[in-house]
Amino acid sequence: MSAGCSSSSRTGILTTTPRTTMTSSNGTRESGENVARVTRAMLEVLLTPHFAEHVLDELFSVFAQLVTKHLEKEKTKFTVIVLVLSLRAGR
Protein backbone atom coordinates (compact mmCIF):
# COMPACT_ATOMS: atom_id res chain seq x y z
CA MET A 1 0.00 0.00 0.00
CA SER A 2 1.12 3.53 -0.64
CA ALA A 3 1.46 6.21 2.03
CA GLY A 4 -1.85 7.54 3.24
CA CYS A 5 -3.84 4.50 2.18
CA SER A 6 -6.25 2.98 4.61
CA SER A 7 -6.59 -0.65 5.44
CA SER A 8 -9.30 -2.53 7.23
CA SER A 9 -8.19 -3.38 10.74
CA ARG A 10 -11.45 -4.81 12.12
CA THR A 11 -14.82 -5.73 10.78
CA GLY A 12 -17.90 -7.04 12.46
CA ILE A 13 -21.56 -7.72 11.85
CA LEU A 14 -24.17 -7.20 14.53
CA THR A 15 -27.82 -8.14 14.15
CA THR A 16 -30.16 -6.74 16.77
CA THR A 17 -33.79 -6.08 17.47
CA PRO A 18 -34.88 -2.69 18.77
CA ARG A 19 -34.39 -2.30 22.52
CA THR A 20 -37.90 -1.14 23.27
CA THR A 21 -40.97 -3.36 23.32
CA MET A 22 -42.58 -3.40 19.92
CA THR A 23 -46.07 -3.96 21.35
CA SER A 24 -46.51 -0.44 22.71
CA SER A 25 -47.00 2.54 20.42
CA ASN A 26 -44.63 4.57 22.60
CA GLY A 27 -41.93 1.88 22.27
CA THR A 28 -42.41 1.74 18.52
CA ARG A 29 -42.16 5.53 18.22
CA GLU A 30 -39.03 5.54 20.36
CA SER A 31 -37.47 2.83 18.18
CA GLY A 32 -38.31 4.78 15.02
CA GLU A 33 -36.67 7.86 16.48
CA ASN A 34 -33.59 5.84 17.49
CA VAL A 35 -33.20 4.46 13.96
CA ALA A 36 -33.51 7.98 12.54
CA ARG A 37 -30.88 9.32 14.99
CA VAL A 38 -28.39 6.58 14.15
CA THR A 39 -28.97 7.02 10.41
CA ARG A 40 -28.53 10.78 10.75
CA ALA A 41 -25.29 10.31 12.68
CA MET A 42 -23.92 8.21 9.82
CA LEU A 43 -25.13 10.39 6.93
CA GLU A 44 -25.02 13.91 8.33
CA VAL A 45 -21.38 14.49 7.42
CA LEU A 46 -22.24 13.72 3.78
CA LEU A 47 -25.45 15.78 3.69
CA THR A 48 -24.48 18.88 5.69
CA PRO A 49 -22.44 20.54 2.91
CA HIS A 50 -25.47 20.35 0.60
CA PHE A 51 -28.47 21.13 2.83
CA ALA A 52 -29.30 23.59 5.60
CA GLU A 53 -29.71 22.30 9.16
CA HIS A 54 -33.49 22.89 9.17
CA VAL A 55 -33.82 20.79 5.99
CA LEU A 56 -31.97 17.90 7.65
CA ASP A 57 -34.14 18.28 10.77
CA GLU A 58 -37.28 17.97 8.63
CA LEU A 59 -35.86 15.10 6.56
CA PHE A 60 -34.99 12.96 9.57
CA SER A 61 -38.23 13.85 11.35
CA VAL A 62 -40.18 12.47 8.37
CA PHE A 63 -37.82 9.47 8.21
CA ALA A 64 -38.48 8.72 11.91
CA GLN A 65 -42.23 8.79 11.25
CA LEU A 66 -41.88 6.42 8.29
CA VAL A 67 -39.72 3.99 10.28
CA THR A 68 -42.23 4.10 13.14
CA LYS A 69 -45.09 3.23 10.76
CA HIS A 70 -43.05 0.34 9.37
CA LEU A 71 -42.25 -0.97 12.85
CA GLU A 72 -45.94 -0.87 13.79
CA LYS A 73 -46.69 -3.27 10.92
CA GLU A 74 -43.97 -5.87 11.31
CA LYS A 75 -41.22 -7.03 13.61
CA THR A 76 -37.88 -5.96 12.22
CA LYS A 77 -34.25 -6.86 12.80
CA PHE A 78 -31.49 -4.42 12.01
CA THR A 79 -28.13 -5.43 10.63
CA VAL A 80 -25.24 -3.14 11.40
CA ILE A 81 -21.93 -3.60 9.61
CA VAL A 82 -19.01 -2.00 11.40
CA LEU A 83 -15.84 -1.29 9.43
CA VAL A 84 -12.95 0.43 11.17
CA LEU A 85 -10.20 1.92 9.00
CA SER A 86 -6.77 2.93 10.20
CA LEU A 87 -3.83 4.60 8.47
CA ARG A 88 -0.60 2.66 8.24
CA ALA A 89 2.36 4.91 8.94
CA GLY A 90 5.53 4.61 6.90
CA ARG A 91 4.12 2.78 3.91
PDB file of N, CA and C in Angstrom:
ATOM      1  N   MET A   1       0.833  -1.181   0.000  1.00  0.00           N
ATOM      2  CA  MET A   1       0.000   0.000   0.000  1.00  0.00           C
ATOM      3  C   MET A   1       0.873   1.238   0.000  1.00  0.00           C
ATOM      4  N   SER A   2       0.370   2.287  -0.617  1.00  0.00           N
ATOM      5  CA  SER A   2       1.118   3.532  -0.639  1.00  0.00           C
ATOM      6  C   SER A   2       0.812   4.346   0.610  1.00  0.00           C
ATOM      7  N   ALA A   3       1.648   5.370   0.854  1.00  0.00           N
ATOM      8  CA  ALA A   3       1.462   6.209   2.034  1.00  0.00           C
ATOM      9  C   ALA A   3       0.086   6.858   1.999  1.00  0.00           C
ATOM     10  N   GLY A   4      -0.551   6.907   3.147  1.00  0.00           N
ATOM     11  CA  GLY A   4      -1.854   7.541   3.241  1.00  0.00           C
ATOM     12  C   GLY A   4      -3.024   6.635   2.907  1.00  0.00           C
ATOM     13  N   CYS A   5      -2.756   5.423   2.485  1.00  0.00           N
ATOM     14  CA  CYS A   5      -3.843   4.495   2.183  1.00  0.00           C
ATOM     15  C   CYS A   5      -4.380   3.904   3.476  1.00  0.00           C
ATOM     16  N   SER A   6      -5.626   3.587   3.452  1.00  0.00           N
ATOM     17  CA  SER A   6      -6.253   2.980   4.615  1.00  0.00           C
ATOM     18  C   SER A   6      -6.346   1.486   4.413  1.00  0.00           C
ATOM     19  N   SER A   7      -6.360   0.785   5.515  1.00  0.00           N
ATOM     20  CA  SER A   7      -6.588  -0.649   5.441  1.00  0.00           C
ATOM     21  C   SER A   7      -7.595  -1.021   6.516  1.00  0.00           C
ATOM     22  N   SER A   8      -8.311  -2.068   6.273  1.00  0.00           N
ATOM     23  CA  SER A   8      -9.297  -2.526   7.234  1.00  0.00           C
ATOM     24  C   SER A   8      -8.590  -3.219   8.380  1.00  0.00           C
ATOM     25  N   SER A   9      -8.828  -2.745   9.606  1.00  0.00           N
ATOM     26  CA  SER A   9      -8.188  -3.380  10.740  1.00  0.00           C
ATOM     27  C   SER A   9      -9.144  -4.286  11.506  1.00  0.00           C
ATOM     28  N   ARG A  10     -10.447  -3.991  11.445  1.00  0.00           N
ATOM     29  CA  ARG A  10     -11.449  -4.811  12.124  1.00  0.00           C
ATOM     30  C   ARG A  10     -12.755  -4.711  11.358  1.00  0.00           C
ATOM     31  N   THR A  11     -13.466  -5.776  11.326  1.00  0.00           N
ATOM     32  CA  THR A  11     -14.817  -5.732  10.781  1.00  0.00           C
ATOM     33  C   THR A  11     -15.712  -6.556  11.689  1.00  0.00           C
ATOM     34  N   GLY A  12     -16.969  -6.271  11.661  1.00  0.00           N
ATOM     35  CA  GLY A  12     -17.898  -7.045  12.464  1.00  0.00           C
ATOM     36  C   GLY A  12     -19.308  -6.853  11.960  1.00  0.00           C
ATOM     37  N   ILE A  13     -20.151  -7.812  12.218  1.00  0.00           N
ATOM     38  CA  ILE A  13     -21.556  -7.716  11.851  1.00  0.00           C
ATOM     39  C   ILE A  13     -22.369  -7.969  13.110  1.00  0.00           C
ATOM     40  N   LEU A  14     -23.331  -7.115  13.349  1.00  0.00           N
ATOM     41  CA  LEU A  14     -24.170  -7.202  14.527  1.00  0.00           C
ATOM     42  C   LEU A  14     -25.620  -7.152  14.077  1.00  0.00           C
ATOM     43  N   THR A  15     -26.397  -8.142  14.453  1.00  0.00           N
ATOM     44  CA  THR A  15     -27.820  -8.140  14.146  1.00  0.00           C
ATOM     45  C   THR A  15     -28.569  -7.992  15.458  1.00  0.00           C
ATOM     46  N   THR A  16     -29.450  -6.998  15.526  1.00  0.00           N
ATOM     47  CA  THR A  16     -30.164  -6.736  16.768  1.00  0.00           C
ATOM     48  C   THR A  16     -31.629  -6.479  16.487  1.00  0.00           C
ATOM     49  N   THR A  17     -32.418  -6.558  17.525  1.00  0.00           N
ATOM     50  CA  THR A  17     -33.789  -6.085  17.470  1.00  0.00           C
ATOM     51  C   THR A  17     -33.834  -4.800  18.280  1.00  0.00           C
ATOM     52  N   PRO A  18     -34.795  -3.930  18.003  1.00  0.00           N
ATOM     53  CA  PRO A  18     -34.883  -2.692  18.770  1.00  0.00           C
ATOM     54  C   PRO A  18     -34.993  -2.975  20.263  1.00  0.00           C
ATOM     55  N   ARG A  19     -34.426  -2.096  21.081  1.00  0.00           N
ATOM     56  CA  ARG A  19     -34.391  -2.303  22.523  1.00  0.00           C
ATOM     57  C   ARG A  19     -35.766  -2.185  23.170  1.00  0.00           C
ATOM     58  N   THR A  20     -36.611  -1.357  22.632  1.00  0.00           N
ATOM     59  CA  THR A  20     -37.902  -1.138  23.266  1.00  0.00           C
ATOM     60  C   THR A  20     -38.895  -2.206  22.838  1.00  0.00           C
ATOM     61  N   THR A  21     -39.933  -2.379  23.623  1.00  0.00           N
ATOM     62  CA  THR A  21     -40.967  -3.356  23.320  1.00  0.00           C
ATOM     63  C   THR A  21     -41.772  -2.894  22.120  1.00  0.00           C
ATOM     64  N   MET A  22     -41.909  -3.769  21.154  1.00  0.00           N
ATOM     65  CA  MET A  22     -42.578  -3.401  19.918  1.00  0.00           C
ATOM     66  C   MET A  22     -44.099  -3.467  20.048  1.00  0.00           C
ATOM     67  N   THR A  23     -44.625  -3.867  21.205  1.00  0.00           N
ATOM     68  CA  THR A  23     -46.068  -3.964  21.349  1.00  0.00           C
ATOM     69  C   THR A  23     -46.698  -2.641  21.750  1.00  0.00           C
ATOM     70  N   SER A  24     -45.942  -1.731  22.322  1.00  0.00           N
ATOM     71  CA  SER A  24     -46.511  -0.442  22.714  1.00  0.00           C
ATOM     72  C   SER A  24     -46.230   0.597  21.646  1.00  0.00           C
ATOM     73  N   SER A  25     -47.194   1.497  21.436  1.00  0.00           N
ATOM     74  CA  SER A  25     -46.996   2.536  20.423  1.00  0.00           C
ATOM     75  C   SER A  25     -45.868   3.471  20.832  1.00  0.00           C
ATOM     76  N   ASN A  26     -45.715   3.717  22.136  1.00  0.00           N
ATOM     77  CA  ASN A  26     -44.627   4.570  22.604  1.00  0.00           C
ATOM     78  C   ASN A  26     -43.275   3.914  22.325  1.00  0.00           C
ATOM     79  N   GLY A  27     -43.175   2.606  22.543  1.00  0.00           N
ATOM     80  CA  GLY A  27     -41.933   1.885  22.271  1.00  0.00           C
ATOM     81  C   GLY A  27     -41.603   1.869  20.793  1.00  0.00           C
ATOM     82  N   THR A  28     -42.618   1.725  19.959  1.00  0.00           N
ATOM     83  CA  THR A  28     -42.411   1.741  18.515  1.00  0.00           C
ATOM     84  C   THR A  28     -41.941   3.111  18.056  1.00  0.00           C
ATOM     85  N   ARG A  29     -42.561   4.169  18.583  1.00  0.00           N
ATOM     86  CA  ARG A  29     -42.163   5.533  18.224  1.00  0.00           C
ATOM     87  C   ARG A  29     -40.726   5.792  18.654  1.00  0.00           C
ATOM     88  N   GLU A  30     -40.390   5.356  19.864  1.00  0.00           N
ATOM     89  CA  GLU A  30     -39.026   5.540  20.364  1.00  0.00           C
ATOM     90  C   GLU A  30     -38.022   4.795  19.483  1.00  0.00           C
ATOM     91  N   SER A  31     -38.361   3.586  19.065  1.00  0.00           N
ATOM     92  CA  SER A  31     -37.471   2.827  18.185  1.00  0.00           C
ATOM     93  C   SER A  31     -37.306   3.511  16.835  1.00  0.00           C
ATOM     94  N   GLY A  32     -38.388   4.043  16.283  1.00  0.00           N
ATOM     95  CA  GLY A  32     -38.307   4.778  15.019  1.00  0.00           C
ATOM     96  C   GLY A  32     -37.404   5.987  15.131  1.00  0.00           C
ATOM     97  N   GLU A  33     -37.521   6.695  16.247  1.00  0.00           N
ATOM     98  CA  GLU A  33     -36.665   7.862  16.477  1.00  0.00           C
ATOM     99  C   GLU A  33     -35.204   7.451  16.643  1.00  0.00           C
ATOM    100  N   ASN A  34     -34.968   6.330  17.321  1.00  0.00           N
ATOM    101  CA  ASN A  34     -33.591   5.841  17.487  1.00  0.00           C
ATOM    102  C   ASN A  34     -32.961   5.492  16.143  1.00  0.00           C
ATOM    103  N   VAL A  35     -33.714   4.821  15.291  1.00  0.00           N
ATOM    104  CA  VAL A  35     -33.205   4.464  13.962  1.00  0.00           C
ATOM    105  C   VAL A  35     -32.875   5.730  13.179  1.00  0.00           C
ATOM    106  N   ALA A  36     -33.747   6.721  13.249  1.00  0.00           N
ATOM    107  CA  ALA A  36     -33.509   7.983  12.539  1.00  0.00           C
ATOM    108  C   ALA A  36     -32.266   8.691  13.076  1.00  0.00           C
ATOM    109  N   ARG A  37     -32.076   8.678  14.404  1.00  0.00           N
ATOM    110  CA  ARG A  37     -30.883   9.320  14.989  1.00  0.00           C
ATOM    111  C   ARG A  37     -29.594   8.634  14.548  1.00  0.00           C
ATOM    112  N   VAL A  38     -29.589   7.314  14.557  1.00  0.00           N
ATOM    113  CA  VAL A  38     -28.394   6.576  14.145  1.00  0.00           C
ATOM    114  C   VAL A  38     -28.106   6.818  12.666  1.00  0.00           C
ATOM    115  N   THR A  39     -29.140   6.774  11.847  1.00  0.00           N
ATOM    116  CA  THR A  39     -28.968   7.020  10.414  1.00  0.00           C
ATOM    117  C   THR A  39     -28.456   8.432  10.170  1.00  0.00           C
ATOM    118  N   ARG A  40     -28.991   9.395  10.899  1.00  0.00           N
ATOM    119  CA  ARG A  40     -28.528  10.779  10.750  1.00  0.00           C
ATOM    120  C   ARG A  40     -27.064  10.905  11.157  1.00  0.00           C
ATOM    121  N   ALA A  41     -26.684  10.248  12.237  1.00  0.00           N
ATOM    122  CA  ALA A  41     -25.291  10.306  12.683  1.00  0.00           C
ATOM    123  C   ALA A  41     -24.342   9.790  11.607  1.00  0.00           C
ATOM    124  N   MET A  42     -24.774   8.772  10.868  1.00  0.00           N
ATOM    125  CA  MET A  42     -23.924   8.211   9.815  1.00  0.00           C
ATOM    126  C   MET A  42     -23.899   9.081   8.565  1.00  0.00           C
ATOM    127  N   LEU A  43     -25.018   9.682   8.211  1.00  0.00           N
ATOM    128  CA  LEU A  43     -25.126  10.385   6.932  1.00  0.00           C
ATOM    129  C   LEU A  43     -24.940  11.894   7.010  1.00  0.00           C
ATOM    130  N   GLU A  44     -25.028  12.455   8.202  1.00  0.00           N
ATOM    131  CA  GLU A  44     -25.021  13.911   8.331  1.00  0.00           C
ATOM    132  C   GLU A  44     -23.764  14.545   7.743  1.00  0.00           C
ATOM    133  N   VAL A  45     -22.621  13.916   7.943  1.00  0.00           N
ATOM    134  CA  VAL A  45     -21.375  14.485   7.415  1.00  0.00           C
ATOM    135  C   VAL A  45     -21.399  14.575   5.888  1.00  0.00           C
ATOM    136  N   LEU A  46     -22.127  13.688   5.236  1.00  0.00           N
ATOM    137  CA  LEU A  46     -22.242  13.723   3.779  1.00  0.00           C
ATOM    138  C   LEU A  46     -23.296  14.719   3.304  1.00  0.00           C
ATOM    139  N   LEU A  47     -24.334  14.932   4.101  1.00  0.00           N
ATOM    140  CA  LEU A  47     -25.450  15.778   3.689  1.00  0.00           C
ATOM    141  C   LEU A  47     -25.294  17.243   4.079  1.00  0.00           C
ATOM    142  N   THR A  48     -24.601  17.517   5.173  1.00  0.00           N
ATOM    143  CA  THR A  48     -24.482  18.884   5.691  1.00  0.00           C
ATOM    144  C   THR A  48     -23.942  19.887   4.675  1.00  0.00           C
ATOM    145  N   PRO A  49     -22.932  19.549   3.873  1.00  0.00           N
ATOM    146  CA  PRO A  49     -22.441  20.539   2.908  1.00  0.00           C
ATOM    147  C   PRO A  49     -23.471  20.927   1.836  1.00  0.00           C
ATOM    148  N   HIS A  50     -24.512  20.126   1.675  1.00  0.00           N
ATOM    149  CA  HIS A  50     -25.472  20.350   0.595  1.00  0.00           C
ATOM    150  C   HIS A  50     -26.826  20.893   1.050  1.00  0.00           C
ATOM    151  N   PHE A  51     -27.150  20.738   2.333  1.00  0.00           N
ATOM    152  CA  PHE A  51     -28.469  21.128   2.828  1.00  0.00           C
ATOM    153  C   PHE A  51     -28.339  21.905   4.129  1.00  0.00           C
ATOM    154  N   ALA A  52     -29.271  22.822   4.351  1.00  0.00           N
ATOM    155  CA  ALA A  52     -29.304  23.586   5.598  1.00  0.00           C
ATOM    156  C   ALA A  52     -29.743  22.682   6.756  1.00  0.00           C
ATOM    157  N   GLU A  53     -29.393  23.089   7.964  1.00  0.00           N
ATOM    158  CA  GLU A  53     -29.714  22.302   9.161  1.00  0.00           C
ATOM    159  C   GLU A  53     -31.219  22.052   9.295  1.00  0.00           C
ATOM    160  N   HIS A  54     -32.039  23.070   9.027  1.00  0.00           N
ATOM    161  CA  HIS A  54     -33.492  22.890   9.168  1.00  0.00           C
ATOM    162  C   HIS A  54     -34.042  21.889   8.146  1.00  0.00           C
ATOM    163  N   VAL A  55     -33.399  21.781   6.997  1.00  0.00           N
ATOM    164  CA  VAL A  55     -33.817  20.792   5.994  1.00  0.00           C
ATOM    165  C   VAL A  55     -33.512  19.384   6.505  1.00  0.00           C
ATOM    166  N   LEU A  56     -32.332  19.208   7.094  1.00  0.00           N
ATOM    167  CA  LEU A  56     -31.974  17.900   7.655  1.00  0.00           C
ATOM    168  C   LEU A  56     -32.887  17.541   8.823  1.00  0.00           C
ATOM    169  N   ASP A  57     -33.222  18.535   9.658  1.00  0.00           N
ATOM    170  CA  ASP A  57     -34.144  18.281  10.768  1.00  0.00           C
ATOM    171  C   ASP A  57     -35.476  17.749  10.245  1.00  0.00           C
ATOM    172  N   GLU A  58     -36.003  18.388   9.215  1.00  0.00           N
ATOM    173  CA  GLU A  58     -37.283  17.967   8.634  1.00  0.00           C
ATOM    174  C   GLU A  58     -37.162  16.589   7.974  1.00  0.00           C
ATOM    175  N   LEU A  59     -36.087  16.374   7.233  1.00  0.00           N
ATOM    176  CA  LEU A  59     -35.861  15.095   6.560  1.00  0.00           C
ATOM    177  C   LEU A  59     -35.863  13.937   7.552  1.00  0.00           C
ATOM    178  N   PHE A  60     -35.094  14.067   8.626  1.00  0.00           N
ATOM    179  CA  PHE A  60     -34.988  12.957   9.570  1.00  0.00           C
ATOM    180  C   PHE A  60     -36.208  12.849  10.482  1.00  0.00           C
ATOM    181  N   SER A  61     -36.963  13.922  10.633  1.00  0.00           N
ATOM    182  CA  SER A  61     -38.233  13.850  11.346  1.00  0.00           C
ATOM    183  C   SER A  61     -39.227  13.005  10.547  1.00  0.00           C
ATOM    184  N   VAL A  62     -39.305  13.258   9.254  1.00  0.00           N
ATOM    185  CA  VAL A  62     -40.178  12.469   8.375  1.00  0.00           C
ATOM    186  C   VAL A  62     -39.691  11.019   8.320  1.00  0.00           C
ATOM    187  N   PHE A  63     -38.387  10.822   8.234  1.00  0.00           N
ATOM    188  CA  PHE A  63     -37.821   9.470   8.209  1.00  0.00           C
ATOM    189  C   PHE A  63     -38.194   8.709   9.484  1.00  0.00           C
ATOM    190  N   ALA A  64     -38.109   9.360  10.645  1.00  0.00           N
ATOM    191  CA  ALA A  64     -38.479   8.721  11.914  1.00  0.00           C
ATOM    192  C   ALA A  64     -39.946   8.291  11.896  1.00  0.00           C
ATOM    193  N   GLN A  65     -40.812   9.133  11.342  1.00  0.00           N
ATOM    194  CA  GLN A  65     -42.234   8.791  11.251  1.00  0.00           C
ATOM    195  C   GLN A  65     -42.454   7.584  10.339  1.00  0.00           C
ATOM    196  N   LEU A  66     -41.742   7.548   9.223  1.00  0.00           N
ATOM    197  CA  LEU A  66     -41.878   6.420   8.290  1.00  0.00           C
ATOM    198  C   LEU A  66     -41.367   5.122   8.907  1.00  0.00           C
ATOM    199  N   VAL A  67     -40.253   5.187   9.621  1.00  0.00           N
ATOM    200  CA  VAL A  67     -39.717   3.992  10.282  1.00  0.00           C
ATOM    201  C   VAL A  67     -40.694   3.521  11.352  1.00  0.00           C
ATOM    202  N   THR A  68     -41.252   4.452  12.106  1.00  0.00           N
ATOM    203  CA  THR A  68     -42.228   4.100  13.144  1.00  0.00           C
ATOM    204  C   THR A  68     -43.426   3.378  12.536  1.00  0.00           C
ATOM    205  N   LYS A  69     -43.957   3.887  11.432  1.00  0.00           N
ATOM    206  CA  LYS A  69     -45.088   3.229  10.759  1.00  0.00           C
ATOM    207  C   LYS A  69     -44.717   1.819  10.315  1.00  0.00           C
ATOM    208  N   HIS A  70     -43.504   1.662   9.801  1.00  0.00           N
ATOM    209  CA  HIS A  70     -43.046   0.341   9.370  1.00  0.00           C
ATOM    210  C   HIS A  70     -42.956  -0.612  10.562  1.00  0.00           C
ATOM    211  N   LEU A  71     -42.410  -0.125  11.673  1.00  0.00           N
ATOM    212  CA  LEU A  71     -42.247  -0.972  12.852  1.00  0.00           C
ATOM    213  C   LEU A  71     -43.588  -1.361  13.472  1.00  0.00           C
ATOM    214  N   GLU A  72     -44.601  -0.535  13.284  1.00  0.00           N
ATOM    215  CA  GLU A  72     -45.936  -0.870  13.786  1.00  0.00           C
ATOM    216  C   GLU A  72     -46.545  -2.041  13.017  1.00  0.00           C
ATOM    217  N   LYS A  73     -46.113  -2.232  11.777  1.00  0.00           N
ATOM    218  CA  LYS A  73     -46.695  -3.268  10.922  1.00  0.00           C
ATOM    219  C   LYS A  73     -45.987  -4.608  11.036  1.00  0.00           C
ATOM    220  N   GLU A  74     -44.687  -4.601  11.245  1.00  0.00           N
ATOM    221  CA  GLU A  74     -43.967  -5.869  11.308  1.00  0.00           C
ATOM    222  C   GLU A  74     -42.742  -5.778  12.198  1.00  0.00           C
ATOM    223  N   LYS A  75     -42.403  -6.931  12.768  1.00  0.00           N
ATOM    224  CA  LYS A  75     -41.219  -7.027  13.613  1.00  0.00           C
ATOM    225  C   LYS A  75     -39.993  -6.987  12.707  1.00  0.00           C
ATOM    226  N   THR A  76     -39.026  -6.193  13.082  1.00  0.00           N
ATOM    227  CA  THR A  76     -37.878  -5.959  12.217  1.00  0.00           C
ATOM    228  C   THR A  76     -36.584  -6.209  12.965  1.00  0.00           C
ATOM    229  N   LYS A  77     -35.607  -6.763  12.273  1.00  0.00           N
ATOM    230  CA  LYS A  77     -34.246  -6.858  12.800  1.00  0.00           C
ATOM    231  C   LYS A  77     -33.378  -5.909  12.001  1.00  0.00           C
ATOM    232  N   PHE A  78     -32.409  -5.335  12.669  1.00  0.00           N
ATOM    233  CA  PHE A  78     -31.489  -4.419  12.009  1.00  0.00           C
ATOM    234  C   PHE A  78     -30.125  -5.079  11.924  1.00  0.00           C
ATOM    235  N   THR A  79     -29.488  -4.957  10.790  1.00  0.00           N
ATOM    236  CA  THR A  79     -28.125  -5.435  10.629  1.00  0.00           C
ATOM    237  C   THR A  79     -27.219  -4.229  10.540  1.00  0.00           C
ATOM    238  N   VAL A  80     -26.208  -4.229  11.379  1.00  0.00           N
ATOM    239  CA  VAL A  80     -25.244  -3.136  11.395  1.00  0.00           C
ATOM    240  C   VAL A  80     -23.887  -3.715  11.030  1.00  0.00           C
ATOM    241  N   ILE A  81     -23.274  -3.175  10.003  1.00  0.00           N
ATOM    242  CA  ILE A  81     -21.935  -3.602   9.611  1.00  0.00           C
ATOM    243  C   ILE A  81     -20.965  -2.528  10.069  1.00  0.00           C
ATOM    244  N   VAL A  82     -19.999  -2.937  10.864  1.00  0.00           N
ATOM    245  CA  VAL A  82     -19.011  -2.001  11.396  1.00  0.00           C
ATOM    246  C   VAL A  82     -17.691  -2.248  10.687  1.00  0.00           C
ATOM    247  N   LEU A  83     -17.131  -1.202  10.115  1.00  0.00           N
ATOM    248  CA  LEU A  83     -15.844  -1.286   9.433  1.00  0.00           C
ATOM    249  C   LEU A  83     -14.964  -0.175   9.980  1.00  0.00           C
ATOM    250  N   VAL A  84     -13.861  -0.544  10.588  1.00  0.00           N
ATOM    251  CA  VAL A  84     -12.945   0.434  11.170  1.00  0.00           C
ATOM    252  C   VAL A  84     -11.712   0.509  10.289  1.00  0.00           C
ATOM    253  N   LEU A  85     -11.367   1.713   9.841  1.00  0.00           N
ATOM    254  CA  LEU A  85     -10.199   1.923   8.996  1.00  0.00           C
ATOM    255  C   LEU A  85      -9.115   2.618   9.797  1.00  0.00           C
ATOM    256  N   SER A  86      -7.882   2.248   9.546  1.00  0.00           N
ATOM    257  CA  SER A  86      -6.767   2.931  10.199  1.00  0.00           C
ATOM    258  C   SER A  86      -5.671   3.183   9.172  1.00  0.00           C
ATOM    259  N   LEU A  87      -4.949   4.272   9.359  1.00  0.00           N
ATOM    260  CA  LEU A  87      -3.834   4.597   8.472  1.00  0.00           C
ATOM    261  C   LEU A  87      -2.602   3.821   8.901  1.00  0.00           C
ATOM    262  N   ARG A  88      -1.864   3.336   7.946  1.00  0.00           N
ATOM    263  CA  ARG A  88      -0.602   2.661   8.240  1.00  0.00           C
ATOM    264  C   ARG A  88       0.527   3.647   8.000  1.00  0.00           C
ATOM    265  N   ALA A  89       1.260   3.948   9.039  1.00  0.00           N
ATOM    266  CA  ALA A  89       2.356   4.914   8.935  1.00  0.00           C
ATOM    267  C   ALA A  89       3.568   4.271   8.273  1.00  0.00           C
ATOM    268  N   GLY A  90       4.277   5.071   7.483  1.00  0.00           N
ATOM    269  CA  GLY A  90       5.532   4.609   6.901  1.00  0.00           C
ATOM    270  C   GLY A  90       5.399   3.696   5.706  1.00  0.00           C
ATOM    271  N   ARG A  91       4.261   3.643   5.095  1.00  0.00           N
ATOM    272  CA  ARG A  91       4.116   2.783   3.912  1.00  0.00           C
ATOM    273  C   ARG A  91       3.786   3.594   2.706  1.00  0.00           C
TER     274      ARG A  91
END
